[in-house]
Amino acid sequence: MALPAVKTLGDCTDFGITVLPYLSQMKTLPIQLYQSYNDPQALKDIYLSTNPVITSLAFALYICFPIFWIVSDANRNYSQVDRMWSFLPTMHNAHFVVYAHMTGLPTQRLDTLLACSVVWSLRLTYNYWRKGGYQIGHEDYRWEFLRSKLSPNIYHLFSILFNYLFQSILLMLIATPTYVLLLASPILPSSMTVPDIVFSRLLMALVLLEYFADAQQWTYQNAKKAYQATAKVPLGFEREDLDRGFVVTGLWSWSRHPNFAAEQAFWVCLYQWAVWDTEGYFNWTIVGPLLYLALFQGSTWFTELITKGKYPEYAEYQRRVGKFVPKLSSELPEDKLVEATEKAAENVKAEAKKD
């Protein structure tokens, strides 16, 4: 039987019931597929008889991982996972939803979740495309920087373990809350409840926040390029802002990375949706969002390390504005001293005029 026999919502989140008994399918699945690759009906039977989370894991390990490795090494370009980042989580979510449809499970909740995931993919794909991410030869500047700091052998090992293996698994893990909701669908009300509606709207709001943050960054960077090319300040900008080299207005005045903050919150929200509907406090699918948060902590630190080396004023921006979560105040201790000094100077000038 491909799906576990769950009787309660608690059963749906039990790793020992919903995942562990099916791990052995990882061994037999490749052989089954090889023997039936030219038989559509047999392939459909294999798909339905394999636990969906195992199919998802097999896709990450047996297809994504080796393809990323081979294509990256063949092209000497290590941004192959980046090109698929906006697609893979939604592909995993779509797989769970398709499986639910094919097995006759209630899908209104899952369909709504998938719609949110598709919108997330469209936003990220569009932003990556307009920055030239899908152009031949394009590579994330951070990989070039890291490659210059590591020996070729160490960098190659890092690429295999982190770029190809870890990220392939990570992009599957952040979609596993959908598996929990799939298992819970026969137990939950067939129609959307108020919390379901709230979570789905929150997911869409987070995508919208990412979109506006991206738009503000895109507008600033284009203005900066025009300014550097013509020495003319584009309408709506100040020379000081463009000379600084990085955006500090709009959402970026509240957070140094508002798009990253909303991105992480999206997958945490999906996890919380599954937790809420299964009436628990946490479950094993928390591994995905936790690793996602850890990844963004590390990658953001690395990004800012490079940025701080390029722009002298970035260190002060770091002190004034929170990385992801806004600070209560952007004032620094020395601001009061500067203000007091300026006020004293004004008083001296005023007294001098009286004399």
Protein backbone atom coordinates (compact mmCIF):
# COMPACT_ATOMS: atom_id res chain seq x y z
CA MET A 1 0.00 0.00 0.00
CA ALA A 2 1.54 3.35 -1.08
CA LEU A 3 -0.09 5.51 1.60
CA PRO A 4 -0.03 4.74 5.33
CA ALA A 5 -3.28 3.88 7.08
CA VAL A 6 -3.67 7.02 9.17
CA LYS A 7 -6.58 7.23 11.58
CA THR A 8 -5.87 10.50 13.37
CA LEU A 9 -4.30 13.83 12.48
CA GLY A 10 -1.42 12.92 14.77
CA ASP A 11 -0.73 9.84 12.65
CA CYS A 12 -0.27 12.07 9.61
CA THR A 13 2.79 13.69 11.19
CA ASP A 14 4.36 10.51 12.57
CA PHE A 15 7.62 9.89 10.67
CA GLY A 16 7.64 6.28 11.84
CA ILE A 17 4.25 5.69 10.23
CA THR A 18 4.32 7.93 7.15
CA VAL A 19 7.91 7.73 5.88
CA LEU A 20 10.12 5.15 7.58
CA PRO A 21 8.24 2.02 6.42
CA TYR A 22 8.55 3.13 2.79
CA LEU A 23 12.26 3.94 2.60
CA SER A 24 12.98 0.47 1.20
CA GLN A 25 11.15 1.56 -1.97
CA MET A 26 14.19 3.72 -2.75
CA LYS A 27 16.11 0.53 -3.58
CA THR A 28 13.54 -1.10 -5.85
CA LEU A 29 12.20 1.98 -7.62
CA PRO A 30 15.08 2.45 -10.11
CA ILE A 31 14.90 -1.22 -11.15
CA GLN A 32 11.12 -1.04 -11.60
CA LEU A 33 11.42 2.07 -13.75
CA TYR A 34 14.14 0.54 -15.88
CA GLN A 35 12.09 -2.59 -16.49
CA SER A 36 8.95 -0.61 -17.40
CA TYR A 37 10.29 2.53 -19.08
CA ASN A 38 8.45 1.79 -22.35
CA ASP A 39 5.13 0.74 -20.78
CA PRO A 40 2.96 3.76 -19.82
CA GLN A 41 0.44 1.70 -17.86
CA ALA A 42 3.18 -0.02 -15.88
CA LEU A 43 4.77 3.36 -15.14
CA LYS A 44 1.43 4.66 -13.90
CA ASP A 45 1.05 1.62 -11.65
CA ILE A 46 4.56 2.15 -10.27
CA TYR A 47 3.78 5.79 -9.60
CA LEU A 48 0.59 4.97 -7.69
CA SER A 49 2.15 2.07 -5.76
CA THR A 50 5.11 4.15 -4.59
CA ASN A 51 4.72 6.37 -1.55
CA PRO A 52 4.65 9.95 -2.89
CA VAL A 53 7.31 11.27 -0.51
CA ILE A 54 9.62 8.46 -1.66
CA THR A 55 8.97 9.39 -5.30
CA SER A 56 9.84 12.98 -4.43
CA LEU A 57 13.04 11.96 -2.65
CA ALA A 58 14.02 9.63 -5.51
CA PHE A 59 13.52 12.46 -8.00
CA ALA A 60 15.86 14.66 -5.95
CA LEU A 61 18.56 12.01 -5.50
CA TYR A 62 18.38 9.98 -8.69
CA ILE A 63 17.57 12.70 -11.22
CA CYS A 64 18.30 16.22 -9.95
CA PHE A 65 21.56 15.48 -8.15
CA PRO A 66 23.37 13.66 -11.00
CA ILE A 67 22.05 16.04 -13.69
CA PHE A 68 23.23 19.11 -11.77
CA TRP A 69 26.62 17.46 -11.24
CA ILE A 70 27.11 16.41 -14.85
CA VAL A 71 25.86 19.63 -16.45
CA SER A 72 27.80 21.87 -14.04
CA ASP A 73 31.09 20.02 -14.55
CA ALA A 74 30.60 19.83 -18.31
CA ASN A 75 30.01 23.60 -18.58
CA ARG A 76 32.27 24.69 -15.71
CA ASN A 77 29.29 26.71 -14.55
CA TYR A 78 28.02 26.13 -11.01
CA SER A 79 24.71 28.00 -11.19
CA GLN A 80 22.70 25.09 -12.59
CA VAL A 81 20.73 24.64 -9.36
CA ASP A 82 20.03 28.39 -9.33
CA ARG A 83 18.34 28.05 -12.73
CA MET A 84 15.99 25.39 -11.36
CA TRP A 85 15.46 26.91 -7.91
CA SER A 86 12.17 28.56 -8.83
CA PHE A 87 10.78 25.37 -10.40
CA LEU A 88 11.71 22.43 -8.19
CA PRO A 89 9.71 23.14 -4.99
CA THR A 90 6.58 23.72 -7.06
CA MET A 91 7.28 20.54 -9.04
CA HIS A 92 7.39 18.60 -5.76
CA ASN A 93 4.19 20.29 -4.59
CA ALA A 94 2.52 19.56 -7.93
CA HIS A 95 3.54 15.91 -7.62
CA PHE A 96 1.77 15.60 -4.25
CA VAL A 97 -1.34 17.32 -5.60
CA VAL A 98 -1.43 15.17 -8.75
CA TYR A 99 -1.06 12.05 -6.61
CA ALA A 100 -4.01 13.16 -4.48
CA HIS A 101 -6.13 13.67 -7.60
CA MET A 102 -5.16 10.29 -9.03
CA THR A 103 -6.02 8.48 -5.80
CA GLY A 104 -9.34 10.25 -5.28
CA LEU A 105 -8.42 12.27 -2.19
CA PRO A 106 -10.04 15.67 -1.41
CA THR A 107 -7.94 18.32 -3.12
CA GLN A 108 -9.46 21.78 -2.62
CA ARG A 109 -6.93 22.64 0.07
CA LEU A 110 -4.06 21.13 -1.93
CA ASP A 111 -5.12 22.85 -5.14
CA THR A 112 -5.08 26.21 -3.36
CA LEU A 113 -1.65 25.48 -1.94
CA LEU A 114 -0.37 24.58 -5.39
CA ALA A 115 -1.76 27.80 -6.83
CA CYS A 116 0.22 29.77 -4.22
CA SER A 117 3.32 27.76 -5.06
CA VAL A 118 2.91 28.42 -8.79
CA VAL A 119 2.63 32.17 -8.16
CA TRP A 120 5.78 31.94 -6.03
CA SER A 121 7.55 30.22 -8.95
CA LEU A 122 6.38 32.79 -11.47
CA ARG A 123 7.63 35.69 -9.37
CA LEU A 124 11.06 34.16 -8.76
CA THR A 125 11.47 32.93 -12.35
CA TYR A 126 10.60 36.35 -13.74
CA ASN A 127 13.02 38.12 -11.43
CA TYR A 128 15.83 35.67 -12.23
CA TRP A 129 15.14 35.99 -15.96
CA ARG A 130 15.19 39.78 -16.09
CA LYS A 131 18.54 39.78 -14.27
CA GLY A 132 19.96 37.56 -17.02
CA GLY A 133 20.04 34.36 -14.98
CA TYR A 134 19.02 32.15 -17.90
CA GLN A 135 21.53 33.57 -20.35
CA ILE A 136 24.19 31.15 -21.56
CA GLY A 137 27.29 31.46 -19.42
CA HIS A 138 25.62 33.37 -16.59
CA GLU A 139 26.93 32.39 -13.17
CA ASP A 140 26.22 33.74 -9.70
CA TYR A 141 29.04 36.14 -8.78
CA ARG A 142 29.34 34.49 -5.37
CA TRP A 143 30.54 31.21 -6.89
CA GLU A 144 33.30 33.04 -8.75
CA PHE A 145 34.35 34.79 -5.53
CA LEU A 146 34.33 31.52 -3.56
CA ARG A 147 36.25 29.72 -6.32
CA SER A 148 39.01 32.32 -5.99
CA LYS A 149 39.35 31.55 -2.27
CA LEU A 150 39.41 27.72 -2.42
CA SER A 151 41.66 25.20 -4.12
CA PRO A 152 40.12 23.52 -7.20
CA ASN A 153 39.74 20.16 -5.43
CA ILE A 154 38.11 21.65 -2.33
CA TYR A 155 35.77 23.76 -4.43
CA HIS A 156 34.79 20.75 -6.54
CA LEU A 157 34.01 18.71 -3.42
CA PHE A 158 32.03 21.63 -2.00
CA SER A 159 30.04 21.88 -5.23
CA ILE A 160 29.17 18.17 -5.19
CA LEU A 161 28.10 18.06 -1.55
CA PHE A 162 26.47 21.48 -1.23
CA ASN A 163 25.45 22.79 -4.66
CA TYR A 164 24.19 19.53 -6.11
CA LEU A 165 23.38 17.09 -3.30
CA PHE A 166 22.30 19.28 -0.37
CA GLN A 167 20.29 21.77 -2.42
CA SER A 168 18.54 19.03 -4.40
CA ILE A 169 17.36 17.47 -1.14
CA LEU A 170 16.55 20.85 0.43
CA LEU A 171 14.24 21.89 -2.41
CA MET A 172 12.36 18.63 -1.87
CA LEU A 173 12.22 18.95 1.92
CA ILE A 174 10.60 22.39 1.95
CA ALA A 175 7.66 20.86 0.05
CA THR A 176 7.12 17.98 2.50
CA PRO A 177 4.43 19.83 4.51
CA THR A 178 2.27 19.30 1.41
CA TYR A 179 2.69 15.55 1.92
CA VAL A 180 1.37 15.93 5.47
CA LEU A 181 -1.65 17.86 4.18
CA LEU A 182 -2.19 15.15 1.55
CA LEU A 183 -2.31 12.49 4.28
CA ALA A 184 -4.62 14.62 6.41
CA SER A 185 -7.02 15.46 3.57
CA PRO A 186 -9.42 12.51 4.19
CA ILE A 187 -9.67 13.48 7.87
CA LEU A 188 -9.95 17.24 7.48
CA PRO A 189 -13.11 18.98 6.21
CA SER A 190 -13.22 18.65 2.43
CA SER A 191 -13.73 22.40 1.96
CA MET A 192 -11.39 25.17 3.03
CA THR A 193 -11.70 26.36 6.61
CA VAL A 194 -11.04 29.90 7.84
CA PRO A 195 -7.44 29.06 8.91
CA ASP A 196 -6.81 27.53 5.47
CA ILE A 197 -7.97 30.73 3.83
CA VAL A 198 -5.80 32.83 6.17
CA PHE A 199 -2.68 30.76 5.44
CA SER A 200 -3.25 30.83 1.69
CA ARG A 201 -3.77 34.61 1.73
CA LEU A 202 -0.65 35.04 3.84
CA LEU A 203 1.38 33.04 1.31
CA MET A 204 0.15 35.29 -1.48
CA ALA A 205 0.90 38.42 0.58
CA LEU A 206 4.48 37.22 1.10
CA VAL A 207 4.93 36.71 -2.64
CA LEU A 208 3.57 40.23 -3.19
CA LEU A 209 6.08 41.58 -0.65
CA GLU A 210 8.89 39.82 -2.51
CA TYR A 211 7.66 41.29 -5.79
CA PHE A 212 7.73 44.87 -4.50
CA ALA A 213 11.14 44.38 -2.90
CA ASP A 214 12.49 43.01 -6.18
CA ALA A 215 10.94 45.90 -8.11
CA GLN A 216 12.55 48.50 -5.84
CA GLN A 217 15.94 46.83 -6.17
CA TRP A 218 15.56 46.51 -9.95
CA THR A 219 14.58 50.17 -10.35
CA TYR A 220 17.52 51.33 -8.26
CA GLN A 221 20.07 49.17 -10.05
CA ASN A 222 18.88 50.35 -13.46
CA ALA A 223 19.07 53.96 -12.31
CA LYS A 224 22.59 53.37 -10.99
CA LYS A 225 23.69 51.85 -14.32
CA ALA A 226 22.26 54.80 -16.23
CA TYR A 227 23.96 57.24 -13.87
CA GLN A 228 27.33 55.50 -14.19
CA ALA A 229 27.01 55.45 -17.98
CA THR A 230 25.90 59.07 -18.49
CA ALA A 231 26.82 60.87 -15.24
CA LYS A 232 23.23 62.16 -15.23
CA VAL A 233 20.99 61.54 -12.23
CA PRO A 234 17.74 59.84 -13.35
CA LEU A 235 14.47 61.47 -12.36
CA GLY A 236 13.34 60.46 -8.88
CA PHE A 237 16.83 59.77 -7.53
CA GLU A 238 19.47 61.74 -5.66
CA ARG A 239 23.15 61.71 -6.61
CA GLU A 240 24.08 60.76 -3.06
CA ASP A 241 21.89 57.62 -3.20
CA LEU A 242 23.40 56.48 -6.49
CA ASP A 243 26.97 57.19 -5.38
CA ARG A 244 26.34 55.03 -2.32
CA GLY A 245 25.95 52.01 -4.60
CA PHE A 246 23.11 50.16 -2.88
CA VAL A 247 19.44 50.82 -2.21
CA VAL A 248 18.35 51.99 1.25
CA THR A 249 14.86 53.32 0.54
CA GLY A 250 11.38 51.79 0.52
CA LEU A 251 11.26 48.28 1.96
CA TRP A 252 15.05 48.33 2.04
CA SER A 253 14.95 51.02 4.72
CA TRP A 254 13.23 48.53 7.02
CA SER A 255 15.19 45.40 6.14
CA ARG A 256 18.53 44.88 4.39
CA HIS A 257 16.98 41.93 2.57
CA PRO A 258 13.18 42.24 2.51
CA ASN A 259 12.92 39.83 -0.42
CA PHE A 260 14.94 37.18 1.44
CA ALA A 261 12.86 37.73 4.58
CA ALA A 262 9.60 37.14 2.70
CA GLU A 263 11.13 34.19 0.85
CA GLN A 264 11.98 32.38 4.06
CA ALA A 265 8.64 33.31 5.61
CA PHE A 266 6.81 31.75 2.65
CA TRP A 267 8.11 28.24 3.36
CA VAL A 268 7.82 28.65 7.12
CA CYS A 269 4.19 29.66 6.58
CA LEU A 270 3.57 26.55 4.47
CA TYR A 271 5.00 24.43 7.28
CA GLN A 272 2.83 26.24 9.86
CA TRP A 273 -0.20 25.57 7.69
CA ALA A 274 0.44 21.83 7.91
CA VAL A 275 1.10 22.08 11.66
CA TRP A 276 -2.13 23.99 12.26
CA ASP A 277 -4.30 21.64 10.22
CA THR A 278 -2.88 18.56 11.96
CA GLU A 279 -3.45 20.16 15.38
CA GLY A 280 0.14 19.80 16.53
CA TYR A 281 2.96 22.03 17.67
CA PHE A 282 5.61 20.76 15.26
CA ASN A 283 6.35 17.77 13.07
CA TRP A 284 9.23 16.21 11.15
CA THR A 285 8.73 18.44 8.10
CA ILE A 286 10.24 21.30 10.12
CA VAL A 287 13.60 20.01 8.87
CA GLY A 288 12.97 21.67 5.49
CA PRO A 289 12.23 25.21 6.72
CA LEU A 290 14.99 25.04 9.34
CA LEU A 291 17.57 24.10 6.72
CA TYR A 292 16.16 26.80 4.45
CA LEU A 293 16.60 29.39 7.20
CA ALA A 294 20.13 28.14 7.86
CA LEU A 295 20.96 28.36 4.16
CA PHE A 296 19.78 31.96 3.96
CA GLN A 297 21.71 32.89 7.08
CA GLY A 298 24.90 31.58 5.53
CA SER A 299 24.33 32.86 1.99
CA THR A 300 23.28 36.31 3.24
CA TRP A 301 26.38 36.54 5.43
CA PHE A 302 28.49 35.62 2.40
CA THR A 303 26.68 38.12 0.17
CA GLU A 304 27.14 40.92 2.67
CA LEU A 305 30.81 40.04 3.12
CA ILE A 306 31.31 40.74 -0.59
CA THR A 307 29.05 43.81 -0.58
CA LYS A 308 30.82 45.38 2.39
CA GLY A 309 34.10 45.04 0.54
CA LYS A 310 32.67 46.95 -2.45
CA TYR A 311 30.77 49.74 -0.69
CA PRO A 312 32.33 51.60 2.29
CA GLU A 313 28.97 52.80 3.65
CA TYR A 314 27.48 49.30 3.83
CA ALA A 315 28.90 48.71 7.32
CA GLU A 316 26.87 51.64 8.67
CA TYR A 317 23.78 50.38 6.83
CA GLN A 318 24.26 47.05 8.61
CA ARG A 319 24.37 48.82 11.96
CA ARG A 320 21.22 50.83 11.29
CA VAL A 321 18.95 48.33 9.51
CA GLY A 322 18.11 44.76 10.47
CA LYS A 323 19.19 41.91 8.22
CA PHE A 324 15.71 40.41 7.87
CA VAL A 325 13.56 41.71 10.74
CA PRO A 326 13.23 45.52 11.13
CA LYS A 327 14.90 47.12 14.12
CA LEU A 328 12.90 49.23 16.56
CA SER A 329 15.12 52.19 15.76
CA SER A 330 17.75 52.97 13.14
CA GLU A 331 19.49 55.47 15.39
CA LEU A 332 23.02 54.80 16.63
CA PRO A 333 24.51 55.99 19.95
CA GLU A 334 26.80 58.47 18.19
CA ASP A 335 23.82 60.09 16.46
CA LYS A 336 22.85 61.85 19.70
CA LEU A 337 26.41 63.13 20.07
CA VAL A 338 26.42 64.46 16.52
CA GLU A 339 23.03 66.05 17.07
CA ALA A 340 24.19 67.64 20.31
CA THR A 341 27.36 68.93 18.64
CA GLU A 342 25.40 70.44 15.76
CA LYS A 343 22.95 72.03 18.16
CA ALA A 344 25.79 73.50 20.23
CA ALA A 345 27.38 74.90 17.06
CA GLU A 346 24.09 76.52 16.10
CA ASN A 347 23.81 78.08 19.56
CA VAL A 348 27.33 79.47 19.29
CA LYS A 349 26.49 81.01 15.91
CA ALA A 350 23.28 82.48 17.34
CA GLU A 351 25.16 84.02 20.28
CA ALA A 352 27.81 85.40 17.95
CA LYS A 353 25.15 87.15 15.86
CA LYS A 354 23.68 88.74 19.01
CA ASP A 355 27.07 90.12 19.95
